[in-house]
Amino acid sequence: MKNLLLSLITILFIASCSKKDVDVRDQYVGTWKYKSTGGVNTYNNGQIAESLPWNDNGTLTISKSGENGLLIDEKEFILEGDQLTADSDEMRFNTPLGASVLALAETTGEVSSGKITYTSSIEGTWTFGSSRGPVAGEIVTTMTK
């Protein structure tokens, strides 16, 4: 009985020592290919004044940040299960026709094995002289290893 108890304690000790904490973020660390598509529209009197298409691709780097964060191309995302969230980003840019845009991008996404997708929903205001109007759009970014 004593030998059985010692054997059981030894097995439990070995099993507990062999367990390593696995960080699920490790599978996302590295260089990824990305493609971003979508666009932003400016509106005047309910009609599209300018359509600004977005089409970009290339590579980016992902690293870990803090306890449950991922830095995707230097932007911090929080990973909870398979969901990604990020703080709002302020965007300022001028349109080809010269309007100044101030907008916020709200970004959420999902991760899976070998693929990350996130969507930035953009809302704001354009100004040109004394005229102003709304801005809205969406940019979807898909990344693969």
N, C-alpha and C. Protein backbone atom coordinates (compact mmCIF):
# COMPACT_ATOMS: atom_id res chain seq x y z
N MET A 1 0.82 -1.19 0.00
CA MET A 1 0.00 0.00 0.00
C MET A 1 0.87 1.26 0.00
N LYS A 2 1.96 1.21 0.78
CA LYS A 2 2.87 2.33 0.85
C LYS A 2 3.52 2.58 -0.52
N ASN A 3 3.92 1.51 -1.20
CA ASN A 3 4.52 1.64 -2.53
C ASN A 3 3.52 2.18 -3.54
N LEU A 4 2.29 1.76 -3.44
CA LEU A 4 1.25 2.25 -4.34
C LEU A 4 1.04 3.75 -4.15
N LEU A 5 1.00 4.19 -2.88
CA LEU A 5 0.83 5.60 -2.58
C LEU A 5 2.01 6.43 -3.09
N LEU A 6 3.24 5.93 -2.90
CA LEU A 6 4.43 6.62 -3.39
C LEU A 6 4.42 6.69 -4.93
N SER A 7 4.01 5.61 -5.56
CA SER A 7 3.93 5.59 -7.03
C SER A 7 2.92 6.61 -7.54
N LEU A 8 1.77 6.69 -6.87
CA LEU A 8 0.73 7.64 -7.25
C LEU A 8 1.22 9.08 -7.08
N ILE A 9 1.88 9.37 -5.97
CA ILE A 9 2.42 10.71 -5.72
C ILE A 9 3.46 11.05 -6.78
N THR A 10 4.33 10.11 -7.12
CA THR A 10 5.36 10.32 -8.13
C THR A 10 4.74 10.62 -9.49
N ILE A 11 3.73 9.86 -9.87
CA ILE A 11 3.05 10.08 -11.15
C ILE A 11 2.40 11.46 -11.18
N LEU A 12 1.72 11.84 -10.11
CA LEU A 12 1.08 13.15 -10.06
C LEU A 12 2.12 14.27 -10.12
N PHE A 13 3.25 14.10 -9.46
CA PHE A 13 4.31 15.10 -9.49
C PHE A 13 4.88 15.25 -10.90
N ILE A 14 5.16 14.14 -11.54
CA ILE A 14 5.71 14.17 -12.90
C ILE A 14 4.71 14.80 -13.86
N ALA A 15 3.44 14.44 -13.72
CA ALA A 15 2.41 14.99 -14.61
C ALA A 15 2.27 16.50 -14.41
N SER A 16 2.34 16.96 -13.16
CA SER A 16 2.19 18.40 -12.92
C SER A 16 3.42 19.16 -13.40
N CYS A 17 4.59 18.57 -13.33
CA CYS A 17 5.80 19.23 -13.79
C CYS A 17 5.88 19.30 -15.32
N SER A 18 5.30 18.33 -16.01
CA SER A 18 5.40 18.29 -17.46
C SER A 18 4.41 19.22 -18.14
N LYS A 19 3.40 19.70 -17.40
CA LYS A 19 2.45 20.63 -17.99
C LYS A 19 3.10 21.99 -18.13
N LYS A 20 2.97 22.58 -19.29
CA LYS A 20 3.48 23.92 -19.53
C LYS A 20 2.31 24.81 -19.88
N ASP A 21 2.38 26.04 -19.42
CA ASP A 21 1.34 26.99 -19.80
C ASP A 21 1.49 27.29 -21.28
N VAL A 22 0.41 27.10 -22.01
CA VAL A 22 0.42 27.36 -23.45
C VAL A 22 -0.22 28.72 -23.69
N ASP A 23 0.46 29.58 -24.40
CA ASP A 23 -0.06 30.88 -24.75
C ASP A 23 -0.61 30.79 -26.17
N VAL A 24 -1.93 30.86 -26.31
CA VAL A 24 -2.56 30.69 -27.62
C VAL A 24 -2.11 31.76 -28.61
N ARG A 25 -1.62 32.88 -28.10
CA ARG A 25 -1.17 33.97 -28.98
C ARG A 25 0.07 33.59 -29.78
N ASP A 26 0.83 32.58 -29.29
CA ASP A 26 2.05 32.18 -29.99
C ASP A 26 1.81 31.80 -31.45
N GLN A 27 0.64 31.22 -31.74
CA GLN A 27 0.35 30.80 -33.11
C GLN A 27 0.17 31.98 -34.07
N TYR A 28 -0.01 33.19 -33.52
CA TYR A 28 -0.24 34.36 -34.36
C TYR A 28 1.01 35.24 -34.50
N VAL A 29 2.04 34.99 -33.71
CA VAL A 29 3.25 35.79 -33.74
C VAL A 29 4.03 35.52 -35.02
N GLY A 30 4.49 36.58 -35.68
CA GLY A 30 5.29 36.42 -36.89
C GLY A 30 4.85 37.37 -37.98
N THR A 31 5.28 37.07 -39.19
CA THR A 31 4.96 37.89 -40.36
C THR A 31 3.78 37.27 -41.11
N TRP A 32 2.83 38.10 -41.45
CA TRP A 32 1.60 37.69 -42.14
C TRP A 32 1.43 38.50 -43.42
N LYS A 33 0.76 37.90 -44.39
CA LYS A 33 0.32 38.62 -45.58
C LYS A 33 -1.06 39.20 -45.27
N TYR A 34 -1.33 40.40 -45.79
CA TYR A 34 -2.65 40.98 -45.56
C TYR A 34 -3.20 41.59 -46.85
N LYS A 35 -4.53 41.70 -46.86
CA LYS A 35 -5.24 42.39 -47.94
C LYS A 35 -6.36 43.17 -47.27
N SER A 36 -6.41 44.47 -47.54
CA SER A 36 -7.46 45.34 -47.01
C SER A 36 -8.29 45.88 -48.17
N THR A 37 -9.60 45.78 -48.06
CA THR A 37 -10.50 46.28 -49.09
C THR A 37 -11.67 47.01 -48.45
N GLY A 38 -12.31 47.84 -49.21
CA GLY A 38 -13.48 48.57 -48.72
C GLY A 38 -13.42 49.99 -49.21
N GLY A 39 -13.90 50.90 -48.39
CA GLY A 39 -13.85 52.29 -48.76
C GLY A 39 -14.61 53.18 -47.82
N VAL A 40 -14.49 54.47 -48.08
CA VAL A 40 -15.15 55.51 -47.30
C VAL A 40 -15.87 56.43 -48.27
N ASN A 41 -17.05 56.83 -47.89
CA ASN A 41 -17.82 57.78 -48.70
C ASN A 41 -18.06 59.06 -47.92
N THR A 42 -17.99 60.19 -48.62
CA THR A 42 -18.46 61.46 -48.06
C THR A 42 -19.84 61.71 -48.64
N TYR A 43 -20.71 62.32 -47.84
CA TYR A 43 -22.09 62.57 -48.27
C TYR A 43 -22.41 64.06 -48.20
N ASN A 44 -23.18 64.51 -49.17
CA ASN A 44 -23.66 65.89 -49.19
C ASN A 44 -25.13 65.84 -49.58
N ASN A 45 -25.99 66.37 -48.72
CA ASN A 45 -27.45 66.36 -48.94
C ASN A 45 -27.97 64.95 -49.22
N GLY A 46 -27.45 63.96 -48.50
CA GLY A 46 -27.92 62.59 -48.63
C GLY A 46 -27.37 61.81 -49.81
N GLN A 47 -26.55 62.47 -50.63
CA GLN A 47 -25.97 61.81 -51.81
C GLN A 47 -24.46 61.64 -51.60
N ILE A 48 -23.89 60.60 -52.22
CA ILE A 48 -22.44 60.41 -52.15
C ILE A 48 -21.76 61.55 -52.89
N ALA A 49 -20.89 62.28 -52.18
CA ALA A 49 -20.14 63.37 -52.81
C ALA A 49 -18.81 62.84 -53.35
N GLU A 50 -18.15 62.00 -52.56
CA GLU A 50 -16.89 61.37 -52.99
C GLU A 50 -16.88 59.93 -52.49
N SER A 51 -16.44 59.04 -53.34
CA SER A 51 -16.25 57.64 -52.97
C SER A 51 -14.75 57.38 -52.96
N LEU A 52 -14.24 56.98 -51.81
CA LEU A 52 -12.81 56.78 -51.65
C LEU A 52 -12.54 55.29 -51.44
N PRO A 53 -12.25 54.57 -52.52
CA PRO A 53 -12.01 53.13 -52.39
C PRO A 53 -10.70 52.84 -51.64
N TRP A 54 -10.67 51.71 -50.98
CA TRP A 54 -9.47 51.27 -50.25
C TRP A 54 -9.11 49.90 -50.75
N ASN A 55 -7.88 49.75 -51.23
CA ASN A 55 -7.40 48.46 -51.69
C ASN A 55 -5.90 48.44 -51.42
N ASP A 56 -5.49 47.66 -50.44
CA ASP A 56 -4.09 47.64 -50.01
C ASP A 56 -3.71 46.20 -49.68
N ASN A 57 -2.44 45.85 -49.91
CA ASN A 57 -1.96 44.53 -49.51
C ASN A 57 -0.47 44.61 -49.26
N GLY A 58 0.04 43.58 -48.59
CA GLY A 58 1.46 43.54 -48.25
C GLY A 58 1.71 42.56 -47.13
N THR A 59 2.73 42.85 -46.33
CA THR A 59 3.02 42.02 -45.16
C THR A 59 3.03 42.90 -43.93
N LEU A 60 2.78 42.28 -42.79
CA LEU A 60 2.83 42.96 -41.51
C LEU A 60 3.32 42.00 -40.44
N THR A 61 3.68 42.55 -39.30
CA THR A 61 4.22 41.76 -38.21
C THR A 61 3.25 41.75 -37.04
N ILE A 62 3.12 40.58 -36.41
CA ILE A 62 2.29 40.43 -35.22
C ILE A 62 3.20 39.97 -34.08
N SER A 63 3.04 40.61 -32.92
CA SER A 63 3.77 40.22 -31.72
C SER A 63 2.81 40.24 -30.53
N LYS A 64 3.24 39.68 -29.42
CA LYS A 64 2.42 39.66 -28.21
C LYS A 64 2.60 40.97 -27.45
N SER A 65 1.55 41.34 -26.71
CA SER A 65 1.58 42.54 -25.90
C SER A 65 0.80 42.28 -24.62
N GLY A 66 1.44 42.52 -23.48
CA GLY A 66 0.75 42.35 -22.21
C GLY A 66 0.28 40.92 -21.99
N GLU A 67 -0.80 40.78 -21.22
CA GLU A 67 -1.31 39.46 -20.84
C GLU A 67 -2.14 38.79 -21.93
N ASN A 68 -2.93 39.59 -22.67
CA ASN A 68 -3.79 38.99 -23.70
C ASN A 68 -3.88 39.85 -24.96
N GLY A 69 -2.84 40.62 -25.20
CA GLY A 69 -2.86 41.51 -26.35
C GLY A 69 -2.00 41.01 -27.50
N LEU A 70 -2.35 41.47 -28.68
CA LEU A 70 -1.56 41.25 -29.88
C LEU A 70 -1.29 42.61 -30.51
N LEU A 71 -0.04 42.85 -30.88
CA LEU A 71 0.30 44.04 -31.66
C LEU A 71 0.29 43.64 -33.12
N ILE A 72 -0.70 44.15 -33.85
CA ILE A 72 -0.81 43.85 -35.27
C ILE A 72 -0.40 45.11 -36.01
N ASP A 73 0.76 45.04 -36.63
CA ASP A 73 1.32 46.19 -37.34
C ASP A 73 1.34 47.43 -36.42
N GLU A 74 1.77 47.20 -35.18
CA GLU A 74 1.94 48.23 -34.14
C GLU A 74 0.62 48.76 -33.58
N LYS A 75 -0.52 48.18 -33.91
CA LYS A 75 -1.80 48.54 -33.31
C LYS A 75 -2.18 47.45 -32.32
N GLU A 76 -2.55 47.86 -31.10
CA GLU A 76 -2.85 46.88 -30.07
C GLU A 76 -4.29 46.40 -30.13
N PHE A 77 -4.43 45.08 -30.15
CA PHE A 77 -5.71 44.39 -30.10
C PHE A 77 -5.75 43.53 -28.85
N ILE A 78 -6.93 43.35 -28.30
CA ILE A 78 -7.13 42.44 -27.18
C ILE A 78 -7.75 41.17 -27.74
N LEU A 79 -7.16 40.02 -27.37
CA LEU A 79 -7.65 38.72 -27.83
C LEU A 79 -8.40 38.05 -26.69
N GLU A 80 -9.68 37.76 -26.92
CA GLU A 80 -10.51 37.04 -25.95
C GLU A 80 -11.19 35.90 -26.70
N GLY A 81 -10.71 34.68 -26.45
CA GLY A 81 -11.20 33.53 -27.21
C GLY A 81 -10.78 33.68 -28.65
N ASP A 82 -11.76 33.74 -29.55
CA ASP A 82 -11.44 33.94 -30.97
C ASP A 82 -11.80 35.34 -31.44
N GLN A 83 -12.07 36.24 -30.49
CA GLN A 83 -12.48 37.60 -30.83
C GLN A 83 -11.37 38.62 -30.59
N LEU A 84 -11.25 39.58 -31.50
CA LEU A 84 -10.29 40.68 -31.39
C LEU A 84 -11.06 41.99 -31.22
N THR A 85 -10.57 42.85 -30.34
CA THR A 85 -11.11 44.20 -30.22
C THR A 85 -9.94 45.18 -30.09
N ALA A 86 -10.18 46.41 -30.48
CA ALA A 86 -9.15 47.45 -30.38
C ALA A 86 -9.83 48.75 -29.99
N ASP A 87 -9.05 49.63 -29.38
CA ASP A 87 -9.56 50.96 -29.08
C ASP A 87 -9.84 51.70 -30.39
N SER A 88 -10.75 52.65 -30.31
CA SER A 88 -11.07 53.48 -31.48
C SER A 88 -9.83 54.25 -31.93
N ASP A 89 -9.72 54.42 -33.23
CA ASP A 89 -8.64 55.22 -33.81
C ASP A 89 -9.23 56.47 -34.44
N GLU A 90 -8.58 57.61 -34.18
CA GLU A 90 -8.98 58.84 -34.84
C GLU A 90 -8.27 58.91 -36.19
N MET A 91 -9.02 59.24 -37.21
CA MET A 91 -8.47 59.37 -38.56
C MET A 91 -8.65 60.80 -39.03
N ARG A 92 -7.59 61.38 -39.58
CA ARG A 92 -7.64 62.71 -40.19
C ARG A 92 -6.99 62.59 -41.56
N PHE A 93 -7.70 63.03 -42.58
CA PHE A 93 -7.12 63.02 -43.92
C PHE A 93 -7.90 63.99 -44.80
N ASN A 94 -7.32 64.31 -45.94
CA ASN A 94 -7.97 65.16 -46.93
C ASN A 94 -8.39 64.30 -48.11
N THR A 95 -9.56 64.57 -48.65
CA THR A 95 -10.04 63.83 -49.81
C THR A 95 -9.41 64.42 -51.08
N PRO A 96 -9.48 63.69 -52.19
CA PRO A 96 -8.94 64.23 -53.45
C PRO A 96 -9.56 65.57 -53.86
N LEU A 97 -10.81 65.82 -53.48
CA LEU A 97 -11.45 67.09 -53.83
C LEU A 97 -11.16 68.19 -52.82
N GLY A 98 -10.37 67.88 -51.77
CA GLY A 98 -9.94 68.90 -50.82
C GLY A 98 -10.70 69.01 -49.52
N ALA A 99 -11.67 68.15 -49.27
CA ALA A 99 -12.38 68.19 -48.00
C ALA A 99 -11.49 67.62 -46.89
N SER A 100 -11.59 68.20 -45.70
CA SER A 100 -10.88 67.68 -44.53
C SER A 100 -11.81 66.71 -43.80
N VAL A 101 -11.30 65.53 -43.47
CA VAL A 101 -12.11 64.50 -42.81
C VAL A 101 -11.57 64.25 -41.42
N LEU A 102 -12.49 64.17 -40.46
CA LEU A 102 -12.19 63.74 -39.09
C LEU A 102 -13.17 62.61 -38.80
N ALA A 103 -12.63 61.41 -38.52
CA ALA A 103 -13.49 60.24 -38.32
C ALA A 103 -12.92 59.35 -37.24
N LEU A 104 -13.76 58.46 -36.73
CA LEU A 104 -13.34 57.41 -35.80
C LEU A 104 -13.50 56.06 -36.47
N ALA A 105 -12.52 55.18 -36.24
CA ALA A 105 -12.59 53.80 -36.75
C ALA A 105 -12.75 52.86 -35.56
N GLU A 106 -13.84 52.12 -35.53
CA GLU A 106 -14.11 51.10 -34.52
C GLU A 106 -13.73 49.76 -35.14
N THR A 107 -12.83 49.01 -34.49
CA THR A 107 -12.30 47.80 -35.10
C THR A 107 -12.58 46.58 -34.23
N THR A 108 -13.16 45.55 -34.87
CA THR A 108 -13.38 44.25 -34.23
C THR A 108 -13.02 43.16 -35.23
N GLY A 109 -12.72 41.97 -34.71
CA GLY A 109 -12.36 40.90 -35.63
C GLY A 109 -12.39 39.53 -35.00
N GLU A 110 -11.91 38.56 -35.78
CA GLU A 110 -11.87 37.16 -35.38
C GLU A 110 -10.54 36.54 -35.78
N VAL A 111 -10.13 35.56 -34.99
CA VAL A 111 -8.93 34.79 -35.32
C VAL A 111 -9.31 33.33 -35.47
N SER A 112 -8.58 32.65 -36.33
CA SER A 112 -8.71 31.20 -36.46
C SER A 112 -7.34 30.69 -36.87
N SER A 113 -7.21 29.43 -36.95
CA SER A 113 -5.92 28.85 -37.30
C SER A 113 -5.51 29.29 -38.70
N GLY A 114 -4.45 30.07 -38.81
CA GLY A 114 -3.93 30.48 -40.10
C GLY A 114 -4.64 31.65 -40.75
N LYS A 115 -5.61 32.31 -40.05
CA LYS A 115 -6.33 33.42 -40.66
C LYS A 115 -6.81 34.38 -39.57
N ILE A 116 -6.67 35.66 -39.86
CA ILE A 116 -7.18 36.72 -38.98
C ILE A 116 -7.95 37.70 -39.87
N THR A 117 -9.14 38.08 -39.43
CA THR A 117 -9.94 39.05 -40.17
C THR A 117 -10.45 40.10 -39.19
N TYR A 118 -10.30 41.36 -39.57
CA TYR A 118 -10.92 42.40 -38.75
C TYR A 118 -11.53 43.47 -39.64
N THR A 119 -12.55 44.12 -39.09
CA THR A 119 -13.30 45.14 -39.82
C THR A 119 -13.21 46.46 -39.07
N SER A 120 -12.87 47.51 -39.78
CA SER A 120 -12.86 48.86 -39.22
C SER A 120 -14.06 49.60 -39.78
N SER A 121 -15.01 49.92 -38.90
CA SER A 121 -16.19 50.71 -39.28
C SER A 121 -15.86 52.18 -39.03
N ILE A 122 -16.02 53.00 -40.05
CA ILE A 122 -15.57 54.39 -40.01
C ILE A 122 -16.76 55.33 -40.09
N GLU A 123 -16.81 56.29 -39.15
CA GLU A 123 -17.84 57.32 -39.16
C GLU A 123 -17.22 58.63 -38.75
N GLY A 124 -17.65 59.71 -39.40
CA GLY A 124 -17.11 61.01 -39.06
C GLY A 124 -17.75 62.12 -39.85
N THR A 125 -16.99 63.21 -40.02
CA THR A 125 -17.49 64.41 -40.67
C THR A 125 -16.43 64.97 -41.61
N TRP A 126 -16.87 65.49 -42.75
CA TRP A 126 -15.98 66.22 -43.65
C TRP A 126 -16.34 67.69 -43.57
N THR A 127 -15.35 68.53 -43.82
CA THR A 127 -15.58 69.98 -43.91
C THR A 127 -14.83 70.51 -45.13
N PHE A 128 -15.43 71.49 -45.76
CA PHE A 128 -14.80 72.18 -46.89
C PHE A 128 -15.32 73.61 -46.85
N GLY A 129 -14.47 74.52 -46.40
CA GLY A 129 -14.94 75.89 -46.20
C GLY A 129 -16.01 75.90 -45.12
N SER A 130 -17.17 76.42 -45.45
CA SER A 130 -18.27 76.44 -44.47
C SER A 130 -19.21 75.25 -44.64
N SER A 131 -18.95 74.39 -45.61
CA SER A 131 -19.79 73.21 -45.85
C SER A 131 -19.28 72.04 -45.01
N ARG A 132 -20.21 71.16 -44.65
CA ARG A 132 -19.84 69.95 -43.91
C ARG A 132 -20.87 68.86 -44.15
N GLY A 133 -20.47 67.64 -43.89
CA GLY A 133 -21.37 66.52 -44.06
C GLY A 133 -20.80 65.26 -43.43
N PRO A 134 -21.55 64.18 -43.47
CA PRO A 134 -21.10 62.94 -42.84
C PRO A 134 -20.14 62.13 -43.72
N VAL A 135 -19.39 61.29 -43.06
CA VAL A 135 -18.46 60.35 -43.69
C VAL A 135 -18.77 58.98 -43.10
N ALA A 136 -18.80 57.95 -43.91
CA ALA A 136 -19.02 56.58 -43.43
C ALA A 136 -18.35 55.59 -44.36
N GLY A 137 -17.94 54.48 -43.79
CA GLY A 137 -17.35 53.43 -44.60
C GLY A 137 -16.90 52.25 -43.78
N GLU A 138 -16.27 51.32 -44.48
CA GLU A 138 -15.82 50.10 -43.83
C GLU A 138 -14.60 49.57 -44.58
N ILE A 139 -13.62 49.13 -43.81
CA ILE A 139 -12.43 48.51 -44.39
C ILE A 139 -12.26 47.15 -43.73
N VAL A 140 -12.16 46.12 -44.55
CA VAL A 140 -11.99 44.74 -44.06
C VAL A 140 -10.57 44.30 -44.39
N THR A 141 -9.87 43.83 -43.35
CA THR A 141 -8.50 43.34 -43.52
C THR A 141 -8.47 41.86 -43.21
N THR A 142 -7.93 41.08 -44.15
CA THR A 142 -7.79 39.64 -43.97
C THR A 142 -6.30 39.30 -44.03
N MET A 143 -5.84 38.53 -43.04
CA MET A 143 -4.42 38.15 -42.96
C MET A 143 -4.29 36.64 -43.00
N THR A 144 -3.26 36.18 -43.71
CA THR A 144 -2.93 34.76 -43.76
C THR A 144 -1.44 34.59 -43.57
N LYS A 145 -1.05 33.45 -43.03
CA LYS A 145 0.38 33.18 -42.80
C LYS A 145 1.07 32.86 -44.09
